């Protein structure tokens, strides 16, 4: 059985813990990163099937992380879902070609449906 791998990138430790637990209960493999720099280190170790990305983080924010993904040629191979509390961010990220944008606080069933749509689990998972 091969599970789909999701990379969660957010500086909110409680949110990372919650989303990691929820996604694991749905049979996703999950890795976390507290900012874009750590996420880039994770990408050196594995290629996720999906990235859930916050925009406002210390050290390297989501915008800089997306620019680096593009520079490395990893876009659009890895789908990205932006999770942000900034209501103006939706317009700012349109040029990035993201697969989905969810405003914080988001509805967990909507997030799970978005993940399932972008990286469906095989029936054997």
C-alpha atoms as a PDB file:
ATOM      1  CA  UNK A   1       0.000   0.000   0.000  1.00  0.00           C
ATOM      2  CA  UNK A   2       1.435   3.368  -1.054  1.00  0.00           C
ATOM      3  CA  UNK A   3      -0.040   6.358   0.746  1.00  0.00           C
ATOM      4  CA  UNK A   4      -0.065   9.851  -0.701  1.00  0.00           C
ATOM      5  CA  UNK A   5       2.424  12.159   1.012  1.00  0.00           C
ATOM      6  CA  UNK A   6       1.301  15.628   2.151  1.00  0.00           C
ATOM      7  CA  UNK A   7       3.725  18.336   3.281  1.00  0.00           C
ATOM      8  CA  UNK A   8       2.164  20.785   5.769  1.00  0.00           C
ATOM      9  CA  UNK A   9       3.950  24.140   5.956  1.00  0.00           C
ATOM     10  CA  UNK A  10       2.708  26.460   8.703  1.00  0.00           C
ATOM     11  CA  UNK A  11       4.220  28.260  11.706  1.00  0.00           C
ATOM     12  CA  UNK A  12       1.223  27.414  13.921  1.00  0.00           C
ATOM     13  CA  UNK A  13       2.409  24.338  15.827  1.00  0.00           C
ATOM     14  CA  UNK A  14      -1.067  23.463  17.128  1.00  0.00           C
ATOM     15  CA  UNK A  15      -2.508  23.603  13.616  1.00  0.00           C
ATOM     16  CA  UNK A  16       0.304  21.418  12.276  1.00  0.00           C
ATOM     17  CA  UNK A  17      -0.351  18.838  14.990  1.00  0.00           C
ATOM     18  CA  UNK A  18      -4.103  18.824  14.353  1.00  0.00           C
ATOM     19  CA  UNK A  19      -3.857  18.609  10.565  1.00  0.00           C
ATOM     20  CA  UNK A  20      -1.164  15.956  10.751  1.00  0.00           C
ATOM     21  CA  UNK A  21      -3.370  13.815  12.983  1.00  0.00           C
ATOM     22  CA  UNK A  22      -6.494  14.325  10.846  1.00  0.00           C
ATOM     23  CA  UNK A  23      -4.708  13.527   7.580  1.00  0.00           C
ATOM     24  CA  UNK A  24      -3.046  10.456   9.071  1.00  0.00           C
ATOM     25  CA  UNK A  25      -6.470   9.148  10.139  1.00  0.00           C
ATOM     26  CA  UNK A  26      -7.420   9.398   6.443  1.00  0.00           C
ATOM     27  CA  UNK A  27      -4.360   7.286   5.490  1.00  0.00           C
ATOM     28  CA  UNK A  28      -2.159  10.105   4.205  1.00  0.00           C
ATOM     29  CA  UNK A  29       1.528  10.146   5.023  1.00  0.00           C
ATOM     30  CA  UNK A  30       2.290  13.569   6.494  1.00  0.00           C
ATOM     31  CA  UNK A  31       5.429  15.636   7.046  1.00  0.00           C
ATOM     32  CA  UNK A  32       5.521  19.092   8.585  1.00  0.00           C
ATOM     33  CA  UNK A  33       7.629  22.229   8.323  1.00  0.00           C
ATOM     34  CA  UNK A  34       7.330  25.399  10.389  1.00  0.00           C
ATOM     35  CA  UNK A  35       8.449  27.710   7.589  1.00  0.00           C
ATOM     36  CA  UNK A  36       9.572  27.777   3.979  1.00  0.00           C
ATOM     37  CA  UNK A  37      13.240  27.104   4.741  1.00  0.00           C
ATOM     38  CA  UNK A  38      12.430  23.904   6.629  1.00  0.00           C
ATOM     39  CA  UNK A  39      10.027  22.936   3.842  1.00  0.00           C
ATOM     40  CA  UNK A  40      12.843  23.304   1.289  1.00  0.00           C
ATOM     41  CA  UNK A  41      14.973  20.986   3.441  1.00  0.00           C
ATOM     42  CA  UNK A  42      12.109  18.461   3.420  1.00  0.00           C
ATOM     43  CA  UNK A  43      11.929  18.695  -0.388  1.00  0.00           C
ATOM     44  CA  UNK A  44      15.589  17.670  -0.526  1.00  0.00           C
ATOM     45  CA  UNK A  45      14.568  14.432   1.238  1.00  0.00           C
ATOM     46  CA  UNK A  46      11.339  13.550  -0.611  1.00  0.00           C
ATOM     47  CA  UNK A  47       8.826  14.843  -3.143  1.00  0.00           C
ATOM     48  CA  UNK A  48       5.356  15.230  -1.652  1.00  0.00           C
ATOM     49  CA  UNK A  49       2.180  14.574  -3.594  1.00  0.00           C
ATOM     50  CA  UNK A  50       0.655  17.795  -2.198  1.00  0.00           C
ATOM     51  CA  UNK A  51       1.762  20.873  -0.238  1.00  0.00           C
ATOM     52  CA  UNK A  52      -0.575  22.676   2.177  1.00  0.00           C
ATOM     53  CA  UNK A  53       1.060  26.101   2.563  1.00  0.00           C
ATOM     54  CA  UNK A  54       0.538  29.014   4.901  1.00  0.00           C
ATOM     55  CA  UNK A  55       1.656  32.388   3.549  1.00  0.00           C
ATOM     56  CA  UNK A  56       2.629  34.365   6.628  1.00  0.00           C
ATOM     57  CA  UNK A  57       5.583  32.644   8.355  1.00  0.00           C
ATOM     58  CA  UNK A  58       8.924  33.737   9.817  1.00  0.00           C
ATOM     59  CA  UNK A  59      12.276  33.307   8.035  1.00  0.00           C
ATOM     60  CA  UNK A  60      10.757  32.319   4.649  1.00  0.00           C
ATOM     61  CA  UNK A  61       7.113  33.073   3.951  1.00  0.00           C
ATOM     62  CA  UNK A  62       4.846  31.224   1.544  1.00  0.00           C
ATOM     63  CA  UNK A  63       5.415  33.714  -1.269  1.00  0.00           C
ATOM     64  CA  UNK A  64       9.198  33.229  -1.178  1.00  0.00           C
ATOM     65  CA  UNK A  65       8.732  29.472  -0.872  1.00  0.00           C
ATOM     66  CA  UNK A  66       6.523  29.398  -3.980  1.00  0.00           C
ATOM     67  CA  UNK A  67       9.078  31.481  -5.884  1.00  0.00           C
ATOM     68  CA  UNK A  68      11.768  28.983  -4.911  1.00  0.00           C
ATOM     69  CA  UNK A  69       9.579  26.041  -5.991  1.00  0.00           C
ATOM     70  CA  UNK A  70       9.220  27.731  -9.369  1.00  0.00           C
ATOM     71  CA  UNK A  71      12.955  28.432  -9.590  1.00  0.00           C
ATOM     72  CA  UNK A  72      13.709  24.763  -8.865  1.00  0.00           C
ATOM     73  CA  UNK A  73      11.285  23.610 -11.535  1.00  0.00           C
ATOM     74  CA  UNK A  74       8.955  21.877  -9.081  1.00  0.00           C
ATOM     75  CA  UNK A  75       5.854  23.772 -10.178  1.00  0.00           C
ATOM     76  CA  UNK A  76       3.339  22.699 -11.365  1.00  0.00           C
ATOM     77  CA  UNK A  77       4.426  19.100 -10.654  1.00  0.00           C
ATOM     78  CA  UNK A  78       3.480  19.399  -6.980  1.00  0.00           C
ATOM     79  CA  UNK A  79      -0.043  20.719  -6.322  1.00  0.00           C
ATOM     80  CA  UNK A  80      -0.201  23.511  -3.733  1.00  0.00           C
ATOM     81  CA  UNK A  81      -3.137  24.551  -1.564  1.00  0.00           C
ATOM     82  CA  UNK A  82      -2.730  27.941   0.115  1.00  0.00           C
ATOM     83  CA  UNK A  83      -4.129  28.265   3.649  1.00  0.00           C
ATOM     84  CA  UNK A  84      -4.208  31.895   4.752  1.00  0.00           C
ATOM     85  CA  UNK A  85      -5.968  34.255   7.131  1.00  0.00           C
ATOM     86  CA  UNK A  86      -5.084  37.196   4.855  1.00  0.00           C
ATOM     87  CA  UNK A  87      -8.280  37.924   2.935  1.00  0.00           C
ATOM     88  CA  UNK A  88      -6.313  39.926   0.349  1.00  0.00           C
ATOM     89  CA  UNK A  89      -3.952  37.029  -0.372  1.00  0.00           C
ATOM     90  CA  UNK A  90      -6.357  35.278  -2.745  1.00  0.00           C
ATOM     91  CA  UNK A  91      -5.786  37.982  -5.376  1.00  0.00           C
ATOM     92  CA  UNK A  92      -2.045  38.122  -4.662  1.00  0.00           C
ATOM     93  CA  UNK A  93      -1.514  34.386  -5.319  1.00  0.00           C
ATOM     94  CA  UNK A  94      -3.563  34.075  -8.519  1.00  0.00           C
ATOM     95  CA  UNK A  95      -0.422  34.413 -10.648  1.00  0.00           C
ATOM     96  CA  UNK A  96       1.173  31.466  -8.818  1.00  0.00           C
ATOM     97  CA  UNK A  97      -1.128  28.926 -10.448  1.00  0.00           C
ATOM     98  CA  UNK A  98      -2.115  27.343  -7.158  1.00  0.00           C
ATOM     99  CA  UNK A  99      -4.643  24.542  -7.161  1.00  0.00           C
ATOM    100  CA  UNK A 100      -6.786  25.878  -4.325  1.00  0.00           C
ATOM    101  CA  UNK A 101      -7.018  28.675  -1.750  1.00  0.00           C
ATOM    102  CA  UNK A 102      -8.706  28.205   1.628  1.00  0.00           C
ATOM    103  CA  UNK A 103      -9.228  31.137   3.981  1.00  0.00           C
ATOM    104  CA  UNK A 104      -8.438  30.592   7.654  1.00  0.00           C
ATOM    105  CA  UNK A 105     -10.340  29.599   9.613  1.00  0.00           C
ATOM    106  CA  UNK A 106     -11.411  26.986   7.088  1.00  0.00           C
ATOM    107  CA  UNK A 107     -13.914  24.204   7.386  1.00  0.00           C
ATOM    108  CA  UNK A 108     -12.078  20.915   8.007  1.00  0.00           C
ATOM    109  CA  UNK A 109     -14.404  18.844   5.764  1.00  0.00           C
ATOM    110  CA  UNK A 110     -13.740  21.326   2.936  1.00  0.00           C
ATOM    111  CA  UNK A 111      -9.987  20.981   3.468  1.00  0.00           C
ATOM    112  CA  UNK A 112     -10.245  17.181   3.447  1.00  0.00           C
ATOM    113  CA  UNK A 113     -12.374  17.235   0.304  1.00  0.00           C
ATOM    114  CA  UNK A 114      -9.815  19.501  -1.384  1.00  0.00           C
ATOM    115  CA  UNK A 115      -6.960  17.175  -0.423  1.00  0.00           C
ATOM    116  CA  UNK A 116      -8.912  14.122  -1.616  1.00  0.00           C
ATOM    117  CA  UNK A 117      -9.702  15.826  -4.928  1.00  0.00           C
ATOM    118  CA  UNK A 118      -6.077  16.756  -5.591  1.00  0.00           C
ATOM    119  CA  UNK A 119      -4.432  13.574  -4.324  1.00  0.00           C
ATOM    120  CA  UNK A 120      -7.017  10.804  -4.191  1.00  0.00           C
ATOM    121  CA  UNK A 121      -6.061   7.718  -2.238  1.00  0.00           C
ATOM    122  CA  UNK A 122      -6.084   4.439  -4.076  1.00  0.00           C
ATOM    123  CA  UNK A 123      -8.925   2.080  -3.156  1.00  0.00           C
ATOM    124  CA  UNK A 124      -6.368  -0.217  -1.546  1.00  0.00           C
ATOM    125  CA  UNK A 125      -5.090   2.495   0.845  1.00  0.00           C
END
